Amino acid sequence: MIAPKIISEKLGVVNEDIPVWSSYYRRSLPTKLGDTGFGMLTNKDSEYRAKAEEVFVEVQNEFQQLVNLAREELKFQKDKLKR
């Protein structure tokens, strides 16, 4: 099945947002202290965590919209086949 333009565009938006979220999330992880197995949280880590959470909400919303668009398209195609 070839996706309609609106689904392709929404998929593009989701594909752009996921690496942004991932980058912030990885930066928010505690800094390792050598080979001790311990980590240290810094102010920067907290800042990146907040940004990751903001972007994650956007990613969730965009992904839900993509799922809804795909459902609508599948329903349309199914109804079209029944005719």
Protein backbone atom coordinates (compact mmCIF):
# COMPACT_ATOMS: atom_id res chain seq x y z
CA MET A 1 0.00 0.00 0.00
CA ILE A 2 1.29 3.44 -0.90
CA ALA A 3 0.71 5.92 1.90
CA PRO A 4 -1.13 9.15 1.15
CA LYS A 5 0.87 12.37 1.28
CA ILE A 6 -0.49 13.37 4.72
CA ILE A 7 0.69 10.08 6.27
CA SER A 8 4.12 10.39 4.64
CA GLU A 9 4.45 13.95 5.93
CA LYS A 10 3.43 12.96 9.48
CA LEU A 11 5.89 10.06 9.38
CA GLY A 12 8.59 12.53 8.37
CA VAL A 13 7.78 14.72 11.38
CA VAL A 14 7.94 11.73 13.73
CA ASN A 15 11.23 10.60 12.17
CA GLU A 16 12.71 14.07 12.75
CA ASP A 17 11.52 14.30 16.37
CA ILE A 18 12.73 10.89 17.59
CA PRO A 19 16.48 11.59 17.17
CA VAL A 20 16.05 14.97 18.92
CA TRP A 21 14.37 13.28 21.89
CA SER A 22 16.98 10.51 21.92
CA SER A 23 19.83 12.99 21.94
CA TYR A 24 18.40 14.94 24.88
CA TYR A 25 17.60 11.71 26.73
CA ARG A 26 21.14 10.34 26.35
CA ARG A 27 22.59 13.66 27.52
CA SER A 28 20.35 13.53 30.60
CA LEU A 29 21.77 10.23 31.83
CA PRO A 30 24.10 10.38 34.85
CA THR A 31 27.77 10.93 34.10
CA LYS A 32 29.78 7.81 34.92
CA LEU A 33 32.57 8.15 37.44
CA GLY A 34 35.33 6.05 35.93
CA ASP A 35 35.01 2.29 36.45
CA THR A 36 33.37 2.66 39.85
CA GLY A 37 29.87 1.82 38.63
CA PHE A 38 28.64 5.09 40.13
CA GLY A 39 27.12 8.00 38.30
CA MET A 40 26.71 11.66 39.07
CA LEU A 41 23.79 13.91 38.14
CA THR A 42 24.63 17.49 37.28
CA ASN A 43 22.54 20.59 36.63
CA LYS A 44 23.09 20.05 32.91
CA ASP A 45 21.71 16.51 33.19
CA SER A 46 18.53 17.88 34.76
CA GLU A 47 18.25 20.51 32.04
CA TYR A 48 18.55 17.89 29.31
CA ARG A 49 16.03 15.65 31.13
CA ALA A 50 13.48 18.48 31.09
CA LYS A 51 14.06 19.07 27.38
CA ALA A 52 13.79 15.33 26.69
CA GLU A 53 10.46 15.20 28.52
CA GLU A 54 9.14 18.17 26.51
CA VAL A 55 10.14 16.61 23.20
CA PHE A 56 8.81 13.20 24.31
CA VAL A 57 5.33 14.66 24.76
CA GLU A 58 5.54 16.10 21.24
CA VAL A 59 6.73 12.75 19.86
CA GLN A 60 3.86 10.94 21.58
CA ASN A 61 1.31 13.39 20.16
CA GLU A 62 2.75 13.23 16.65
CA PHE A 63 2.92 9.43 16.78
CA GLN A 64 -0.70 9.20 17.98
CA GLN A 65 -1.77 11.45 15.12
CA LEU A 66 0.15 9.19 12.71
CA VAL A 67 -1.60 6.11 14.10
CA ASN A 68 -4.99 7.80 13.75
CA LEU A 69 -4.25 8.80 10.16
CA ALA A 70 -3.17 5.25 9.34
CA ARG A 71 -6.37 3.85 10.89
CA GLU A 72 -8.50 6.25 8.88
CA GLU A 73 -6.67 5.34 5.68
CA LEU A 74 -7.00 1.61 6.33
CA LYS A 75 -10.71 2.00 7.03
CA PHE A 76 -11.10 4.01 3.83
CA GLN A 77 -9.25 1.35 1.81
CA LYS A 78 -11.30 -1.44 3.41
CA ASP A 79 -14.56 0.35 2.62
CA LYS A 80 -13.34 1.03 -0.91
CA LEU A 81 -12.68 -2.70 -1.44
CA LYS A 82 -16.17 -3.61 -0.24
CA ARG A 83 -17.81 -1.47 -2.95
